[in-house]
């Protein structure tokens, strides 16, 4: 008779479990995502979650790192275009495709998932802010290159413009959460790009 093993940990795909956790945090936010929500989506029990990821905060930090791995390459690729207008246009259109992707929750994890800042969550709140600022930094660096190449109007500060583009991009995410469609957000981008042309040197 084969000895039955009792209490053996359930095997699971760690990467797949992490992706499911990302979706839960994206859909419900940090505070809204309970351990029950997370373990059910990830297909594991609480002891397995603690063993594999630590606690909820550590899991969220790992989710943030994975989200960074998934999102930053497309931003960097868009900004590589030699023409600054085309680079920024690509950036905004890629953003629209991502925040209206029917396979994931509407909007952006860095907008929807951000924890309310208090004494307990301040460190992970700052981690989200740092990731948003990191994206803004990529845009600013590209704009600074354009300024040095004479592609920006003389009175345009790359720092201010990067912050403006990031504010608009974040606004698109909020509008997506509010129910705006891909086509509606495309029209918003068209209006924004018209104004952007005024700031660039033809």
C-alpha atoms as a PDB file:
ATOM      1  CA  UNK A   1       0.000   0.000   0.000  1.00  0.00           C
ATOM      2  CA  UNK A   2       1.399   3.375  -1.033  1.00  0.00           C
ATOM      3  CA  UNK A   3       1.838   5.804   1.804  1.00  0.00           C
ATOM      4  CA  UNK A   4      -0.412   8.842   1.348  1.00  0.00           C
ATOM      5  CA  UNK A   5       1.398  12.147   1.677  1.00  0.00           C
ATOM      6  CA  UNK A   6      -0.508  14.587   3.850  1.00  0.00           C
ATOM      7  CA  UNK A   7      -0.087  18.354   3.732  1.00  0.00           C
ATOM      8  CA  UNK A   8       2.045  18.377   0.602  1.00  0.00           C
ATOM      9  CA  UNK A   9       2.145  21.887  -0.938  1.00  0.00           C
ATOM     10  CA  UNK A  10       0.109  22.293  -4.088  1.00  0.00           C
ATOM     11  CA  UNK A  11       2.309  22.758  -7.153  1.00  0.00           C
ATOM     12  CA  UNK A  12       1.631  25.891  -9.161  1.00  0.00           C
ATOM     13  CA  UNK A  13       3.088  27.971 -11.954  1.00  0.00           C
ATOM     14  CA  UNK A  14       4.666  30.917 -10.148  1.00  0.00           C
ATOM     15  CA  UNK A  15       4.710  33.210 -13.178  1.00  0.00           C
ATOM     16  CA  UNK A  16       1.084  32.464 -13.984  1.00  0.00           C
ATOM     17  CA  UNK A  17       0.090  33.036 -10.360  1.00  0.00           C
ATOM     18  CA  UNK A  18       1.897  36.374 -10.400  1.00  0.00           C
ATOM     19  CA  UNK A  19       0.095  37.389 -13.581  1.00  0.00           C
ATOM     20  CA  UNK A  20      -3.248  36.545 -11.976  1.00  0.00           C
ATOM     21  CA  UNK A  21      -2.299  38.623  -8.929  1.00  0.00           C
ATOM     22  CA  UNK A  22      -1.456  41.512 -11.249  1.00  0.00           C
ATOM     23  CA  UNK A  23      -4.943  41.347 -12.715  1.00  0.00           C
ATOM     24  CA  UNK A  24      -6.545  41.325  -9.273  1.00  0.00           C
ATOM     25  CA  UNK A  25      -4.597  44.372  -8.080  1.00  0.00           C
ATOM     26  CA  UNK A  26      -5.267  46.078 -11.414  1.00  0.00           C
ATOM     27  CA  UNK A  27      -9.008  45.447 -11.166  1.00  0.00           C
ATOM     28  CA  UNK A  28      -9.583  45.985  -7.437  1.00  0.00           C
ATOM     29  CA  UNK A  29      -6.684  48.183  -6.331  1.00  0.00           C
ATOM     30  CA  UNK A  30      -4.284  47.443  -3.496  1.00  0.00           C
ATOM     31  CA  UNK A  31      -6.745  47.970  -0.634  1.00  0.00           C
ATOM     32  CA  UNK A  32      -9.644  46.409  -2.500  1.00  0.00           C
ATOM     33  CA  UNK A  33      -7.789  43.167  -3.233  1.00  0.00           C
ATOM     34  CA  UNK A  34      -8.296  40.798  -0.311  1.00  0.00           C
ATOM     35  CA  UNK A  35      -6.121  37.776   0.359  1.00  0.00           C
ATOM     36  CA  UNK A  36      -9.116  35.623  -0.566  1.00  0.00           C
ATOM     37  CA  UNK A  37      -9.398  37.416  -3.929  1.00  0.00           C
ATOM     38  CA  UNK A  38      -5.716  36.893  -4.561  1.00  0.00           C
ATOM     39  CA  UNK A  39      -5.457  33.247  -3.531  1.00  0.00           C
ATOM     40  CA  UNK A  40      -8.581  32.321  -5.486  1.00  0.00           C
ATOM     41  CA  UNK A  41      -7.293  33.978  -8.656  1.00  0.00           C
ATOM     42  CA  UNK A  42      -3.800  32.581  -8.207  1.00  0.00           C
ATOM     43  CA  UNK A  43      -5.058  29.062  -7.523  1.00  0.00           C
ATOM     44  CA  UNK A  44      -3.145  28.687  -4.253  1.00  0.00           C
ATOM     45  CA  UNK A  45      -3.874  28.772  -0.540  1.00  0.00           C
ATOM     46  CA  UNK A  46      -2.632  31.361   1.936  1.00  0.00           C
ATOM     47  CA  UNK A  47       0.323  29.332   3.237  1.00  0.00           C
ATOM     48  CA  UNK A  48       1.519  28.865  -0.354  1.00  0.00           C
ATOM     49  CA  UNK A  49       1.130  32.586  -1.031  1.00  0.00           C
ATOM     50  CA  UNK A  50       3.168  33.459   2.049  1.00  0.00           C
ATOM     51  CA  UNK A  51       5.807  30.861   1.195  1.00  0.00           C
ATOM     52  CA  UNK A  52       6.181  31.990  -2.413  1.00  0.00           C
ATOM     53  CA  UNK A  53       5.693  35.736  -2.165  1.00  0.00           C
ATOM     54  CA  UNK A  54       5.932  36.746   1.505  1.00  0.00           C
ATOM     55  CA  UNK A  55       2.948  38.918   2.362  1.00  0.00           C
ATOM     56  CA  UNK A  56       0.481  41.071   0.431  1.00  0.00           C
ATOM     57  CA  UNK A  57       2.823  44.058   0.264  1.00  0.00           C
ATOM     58  CA  UNK A  58       5.708  41.965  -1.058  1.00  0.00           C
ATOM     59  CA  UNK A  59       3.400  40.371  -3.610  1.00  0.00           C
ATOM     60  CA  UNK A  60       2.280  43.810  -4.773  1.00  0.00           C
ATOM     61  CA  UNK A  61       5.895  44.946  -5.106  1.00  0.00           C
ATOM     62  CA  UNK A  62       6.646  41.912  -7.256  1.00  0.00           C
ATOM     63  CA  UNK A  63       3.551  42.663  -9.331  1.00  0.00           C
ATOM     64  CA  UNK A  64       4.824  46.222  -9.819  1.00  0.00           C
ATOM     65  CA  UNK A  65       8.163  44.882 -11.001  1.00  0.00           C
ATOM     66  CA  UNK A  66       6.440  42.572 -13.482  1.00  0.00           C
ATOM     67  CA  UNK A  67       4.225  45.409 -14.712  1.00  0.00           C
ATOM     68  CA  UNK A  68       7.352  47.491 -15.252  1.00  0.00           C
ATOM     69  CA  UNK A  69       8.882  44.683 -17.310  1.00  0.00           C
ATOM     70  CA  UNK A  70       5.750  44.506 -19.450  1.00  0.00           C
ATOM     71  CA  UNK A  71       5.110  48.218 -19.968  1.00  0.00           C
ATOM     72  CA  UNK A  72       8.454  50.005 -20.211  1.00  0.00           C
ATOM     73  CA  UNK A  73       9.800  48.285 -23.378  1.00  0.00           C
ATOM     74  CA  UNK A  74       6.886  49.588 -25.462  1.00  0.00           C
ATOM     75  CA  UNK A  75       7.416  53.110 -24.095  1.00  0.00           C
ATOM     76  CA  UNK A  76      11.123  52.987 -24.865  1.00  0.00           C
ATOM     77  CA  UNK A  77      10.487  51.586 -28.342  1.00  0.00           C
ATOM     78  CA  UNK A  78       8.036  54.373 -29.191  1.00  0.00           C
ATOM     79  CA  UNK A  79      10.448  57.054 -28.026  1.00  0.00           C
ATOM     80  CA  UNK A  80      13.284  55.659 -30.158  1.00  0.00           C
ATOM     81  CA  UNK A  81      11.774  57.092 -33.337  1.00  0.00           C
ATOM     82  CA  UNK A  82      14.025  59.728 -34.892  1.00  0.00           C
ATOM     83  CA  UNK A  83      11.215  62.295 -35.279  1.00  0.00           C
ATOM     84  CA  UNK A  84       9.994  63.583 -31.930  1.00  0.00           C
ATOM     85  CA  UNK A  85       6.420  64.162 -33.119  1.00  0.00           C
ATOM     86  CA  UNK A  86       6.142  60.598 -34.401  1.00  0.00           C
ATOM     87  CA  UNK A  87       7.738  59.280 -31.215  1.00  0.00           C
ATOM     88  CA  UNK A  88       5.175  61.035 -29.013  1.00  0.00           C
ATOM     89  CA  UNK A  89       2.303  60.086 -31.299  1.00  0.00           C
ATOM     90  CA  UNK A  90       3.352  56.427 -31.111  1.00  0.00           C
ATOM     91  CA  UNK A  91       3.670  56.698 -27.345  1.00  0.00           C
ATOM     92  CA  UNK A  92       0.106  57.951 -26.929  1.00  0.00           C
ATOM     93  CA  UNK A  93      -1.412  55.479 -29.387  1.00  0.00           C
ATOM     94  CA  UNK A  94       0.365  52.571 -27.706  1.00  0.00           C
ATOM     95  CA  UNK A  95      -1.007  53.823 -24.401  1.00  0.00           C
ATOM     96  CA  UNK A  96      -4.552  53.804 -25.797  1.00  0.00           C
ATOM     97  CA  UNK A  97      -4.184  50.238 -27.037  1.00  0.00           C
ATOM     98  CA  UNK A  98      -2.929  49.117 -23.641  1.00  0.00           C
ATOM     99  CA  UNK A  99      -5.570  50.844 -21.511  1.00  0.00           C
ATOM    100  CA  UNK A 100      -8.437  49.628 -23.725  1.00  0.00           C
ATOM    101  CA  UNK A 101      -7.116  46.077 -24.127  1.00  0.00           C
ATOM    102  CA  UNK A 102     -10.159  43.831 -23.519  1.00  0.00           C
ATOM    103  CA  UNK A 103      -7.923  41.112 -22.047  1.00  0.00           C
ATOM    104  CA  UNK A 104      -7.000  43.196 -18.996  1.00  0.00           C
ATOM    105  CA  UNK A 105      -8.893  45.669 -16.785  1.00  0.00           C
ATOM    106  CA  UNK A 106      -9.445  49.134 -18.264  1.00  0.00           C
ATOM    107  CA  UNK A 107      -6.905  51.802 -17.451  1.00  0.00           C
ATOM    108  CA  UNK A 108      -3.471  51.376 -15.933  1.00  0.00           C
ATOM    109  CA  UNK A 109      -2.268  49.508 -12.857  1.00  0.00           C
ATOM    110  CA  UNK A 110      -0.280  52.586 -11.805  1.00  0.00           C
ATOM    111  CA  UNK A 111      -3.529  54.578 -11.654  1.00  0.00           C
ATOM    112  CA  UNK A 112      -6.048  51.947 -10.532  1.00  0.00           C
ATOM    113  CA  UNK A 113      -3.861  49.908  -8.218  1.00  0.00           C
ATOM    114  CA  UNK A 114      -2.228  52.706  -6.252  1.00  0.00           C
ATOM    115  CA  UNK A 115      -2.769  52.356  -2.495  1.00  0.00           C
ATOM    116  CA  UNK A 116      -4.130  55.197  -0.419  1.00  0.00           C
ATOM    117  CA  UNK A 117      -1.132  56.836   1.228  1.00  0.00           C
ATOM    118  CA  UNK A 118      -1.093  56.421   5.003  1.00  0.00           C
ATOM    119  CA  UNK A 119       1.420  55.389   7.641  1.00  0.00           C
ATOM    120  CA  UNK A 120       1.062  51.733   6.691  1.00  0.00           C
ATOM    121  CA  UNK A 121       1.097  51.982   2.910  1.00  0.00           C
ATOM    122  CA  UNK A 122       3.447  54.949   2.410  1.00  0.00           C
ATOM    123  CA  UNK A 123       6.396  52.793   1.201  1.00  0.00           C
ATOM    124  CA  UNK A 124       4.414  50.965  -1.489  1.00  0.00           C
ATOM    125  CA  UNK A 125       2.547  54.154  -2.411  1.00  0.00           C
ATOM    126  CA  UNK A 126       5.942  55.694  -3.095  1.00  0.00           C
ATOM    127  CA  UNK A 127       6.946  52.650  -5.140  1.00  0.00           C
ATOM    128  CA  UNK A 128       4.003  53.302  -7.470  1.00  0.00           C
ATOM    129  CA  UNK A 129       4.843  57.004  -7.662  1.00  0.00           C
ATOM    130  CA  UNK A 130       8.467  56.157  -8.453  1.00  0.00           C
ATOM    131  CA  UNK A 131       7.397  53.932 -11.321  1.00  0.00           C
ATOM    132  CA  UNK A 132       5.190  56.683 -12.777  1.00  0.00           C
ATOM    133  CA  UNK A 133       8.053  59.167 -12.400  1.00  0.00           C
ATOM    134  CA  UNK A 134      10.345  56.684 -14.116  1.00  0.00           C
ATOM    135  CA  UNK A 135       8.081  56.718 -17.169  1.00  0.00           C
ATOM    136  CA  UNK A 136       8.012  60.507 -17.097  1.00  0.00           C
ATOM    137  CA  UNK A 137      11.804  60.502 -16.935  1.00  0.00           C
ATOM    138  CA  UNK A 138      12.010  58.478 -20.159  1.00  0.00           C
ATOM    139  CA  UNK A 139       9.843  61.070 -21.907  1.00  0.00           C
ATOM    140  CA  UNK A 140      11.830  63.964 -20.451  1.00  0.00           C
ATOM    141  CA  UNK A 141      15.154  62.491 -21.569  1.00  0.00           C
ATOM    142  CA  UNK A 142      13.828  62.072 -25.118  1.00  0.00           C
ATOM    143  CA  UNK A 143      12.527  65.654 -25.134  1.00  0.00           C
ATOM    144  CA  UNK A 144      15.854  66.946 -23.841  1.00  0.00           C
ATOM    145  CA  UNK A 145      17.547  65.253 -26.796  1.00  0.00           C
ATOM    146  CA  UNK A 146      15.058  66.960 -29.107  1.00  0.00           C
ATOM    147  CA  UNK A 147      15.684  70.328 -27.465  1.00  0.00           C
ATOM    148  CA  UNK A 148      19.421  69.944 -28.023  1.00  0.00           C
ATOM    149  CA  UNK A 149      18.725  69.054 -31.658  1.00  0.00           C
ATOM    150  CA  UNK A 150      16.610  72.198 -32.078  1.00  0.00           C
ATOM    151  CA  UNK A 151      13.338  70.276 -32.511  1.00  0.00           C
ATOM    152  CA  UNK A 152      11.467  72.078 -29.723  1.00  0.00           C
ATOM    153  CA  UNK A 153      10.387  75.697 -29.748  1.00  0.00           C
ATOM    154  CA  UNK A 154      12.840  77.861 -27.813  1.00  0.00           C
ATOM    155  CA  UNK A 155      10.319  78.676 -25.075  1.00  0.00           C
ATOM    156  CA  UNK A 156       9.407  75.014 -24.387  1.00  0.00           C
ATOM    157  CA  UNK A 157      10.909  73.428 -21.280  1.00  0.00           C
ATOM    158  CA  UNK A 158      11.379  69.653 -21.787  1.00  0.00           C
ATOM    159  CA  UNK A 159      10.601  69.061 -18.096  1.00  0.00           C
ATOM    160  CA  UNK A 160       7.289  70.922 -18.315  1.00  0.00           C
ATOM    161  CA  UNK A 161       6.339  69.224 -21.569  1.00  0.00           C
ATOM    162  CA  UNK A 162       7.186  65.758 -20.215  1.00  0.00           C
ATOM    163  CA  UNK A 163       5.010  66.436 -17.176  1.00  0.00           C
ATOM    164  CA  UNK A 164       2.186  67.652 -19.425  1.00  0.00           C
ATOM    165  CA  UNK A 165       2.363  64.560 -21.640  1.00  0.00           C
ATOM    166  CA  UNK A 166       2.378  62.320 -18.568  1.00  0.00           C
ATOM    167  CA  UNK A 167      -0.627  64.155 -17.107  1.00  0.00           C
ATOM    168  CA  UNK A 168      -2.521  63.690 -20.374  1.00  0.00           C
ATOM    169  CA  UNK A 169      -1.526  60.024 -20.554  1.00  0.00           C
ATOM    170  CA  UNK A 170      -2.722  59.425 -16.995  1.00  0.00           C
ATOM    171  CA  UNK A 171      -5.933  61.247 -17.848  1.00  0.00           C
ATOM    172  CA  UNK A 172      -6.518  58.875 -20.749  1.00  0.00           C
ATOM    173  CA  UNK A 173      -6.247  55.989 -18.297  1.00  0.00           C
ATOM    174  CA  UNK A 174      -8.866  57.535 -16.024  1.00  0.00           C
ATOM    175  CA  UNK A 175     -11.166  58.159 -18.980  1.00  0.00           C
ATOM    176  CA  UNK A 176     -10.796  54.515 -19.989  1.00  0.00           C
ATOM    177  CA  UNK A 177     -11.805  53.432 -16.489  1.00  0.00           C
ATOM    178  CA  UNK A 178     -14.793  55.776 -16.825  1.00  0.00           C
ATOM    179  CA  UNK A 179     -15.884  53.885 -19.930  1.00  0.00           C
ATOM    180  CA  UNK A 180     -14.357  55.863 -22.806  1.00  0.00           C
ATOM    181  CA  UNK A 181     -13.842  53.695 -25.873  1.00  0.00           C
ATOM    182  CA  UNK A 182     -10.727  53.285 -27.980  1.00  0.00           C
ATOM    183  CA  UNK A 183     -12.247  55.471 -30.715  1.00  0.00           C
ATOM    184  CA  UNK A 184     -13.157  58.212 -28.236  1.00  0.00           C
ATOM    185  CA  UNK A 185      -9.674  58.250 -26.759  1.00  0.00           C
ATOM    186  CA  UNK A 186      -8.183  58.353 -30.268  1.00  0.00           C
ATOM    187  CA  UNK A 187     -10.110  61.575 -30.885  1.00  0.00           C
ATOM    188  CA  UNK A 188      -8.733  63.032 -27.657  1.00  0.00           C
ATOM    189  CA  UNK A 189      -5.220  62.150 -28.773  1.00  0.00           C
ATOM    190  CA  UNK A 190      -5.805  63.813 -32.140  1.00  0.00           C
ATOM    191  CA  UNK A 191      -6.727  67.068 -30.386  1.00  0.00           C
ATOM    192  CA  UNK A 192      -3.708  66.834 -28.091  1.00  0.00           C
ATOM    193  CA  UNK A 193      -1.381  66.205 -31.015  1.00  0.00           C
ATOM    194  CA  UNK A 194      -2.677  69.302 -32.798  1.00  0.00           C
ATOM    195  CA  UNK A 195      -1.614  71.399 -29.832  1.00  0.00           C
ATOM    196  CA  UNK A 196       1.676  69.547 -29.610  1.00  0.00           C
ATOM    197  CA  UNK A 197       2.638  70.547 -33.139  1.00  0.00           C
ATOM    198  CA  UNK A 198       2.686  74.187 -32.038  1.00  0.00           C
ATOM    199  CA  UNK A 199       5.482  73.368 -29.589  1.00  0.00           C
ATOM    200  CA  UNK A 200       7.687  71.627 -32.132  1.00  0.00           C
ATOM    201  CA  UNK A 201       9.965  73.101 -34.762  1.00  0.00           C
ATOM    202  CA  UNK A 202       8.910  71.998 -38.232  1.00  0.00           C
END
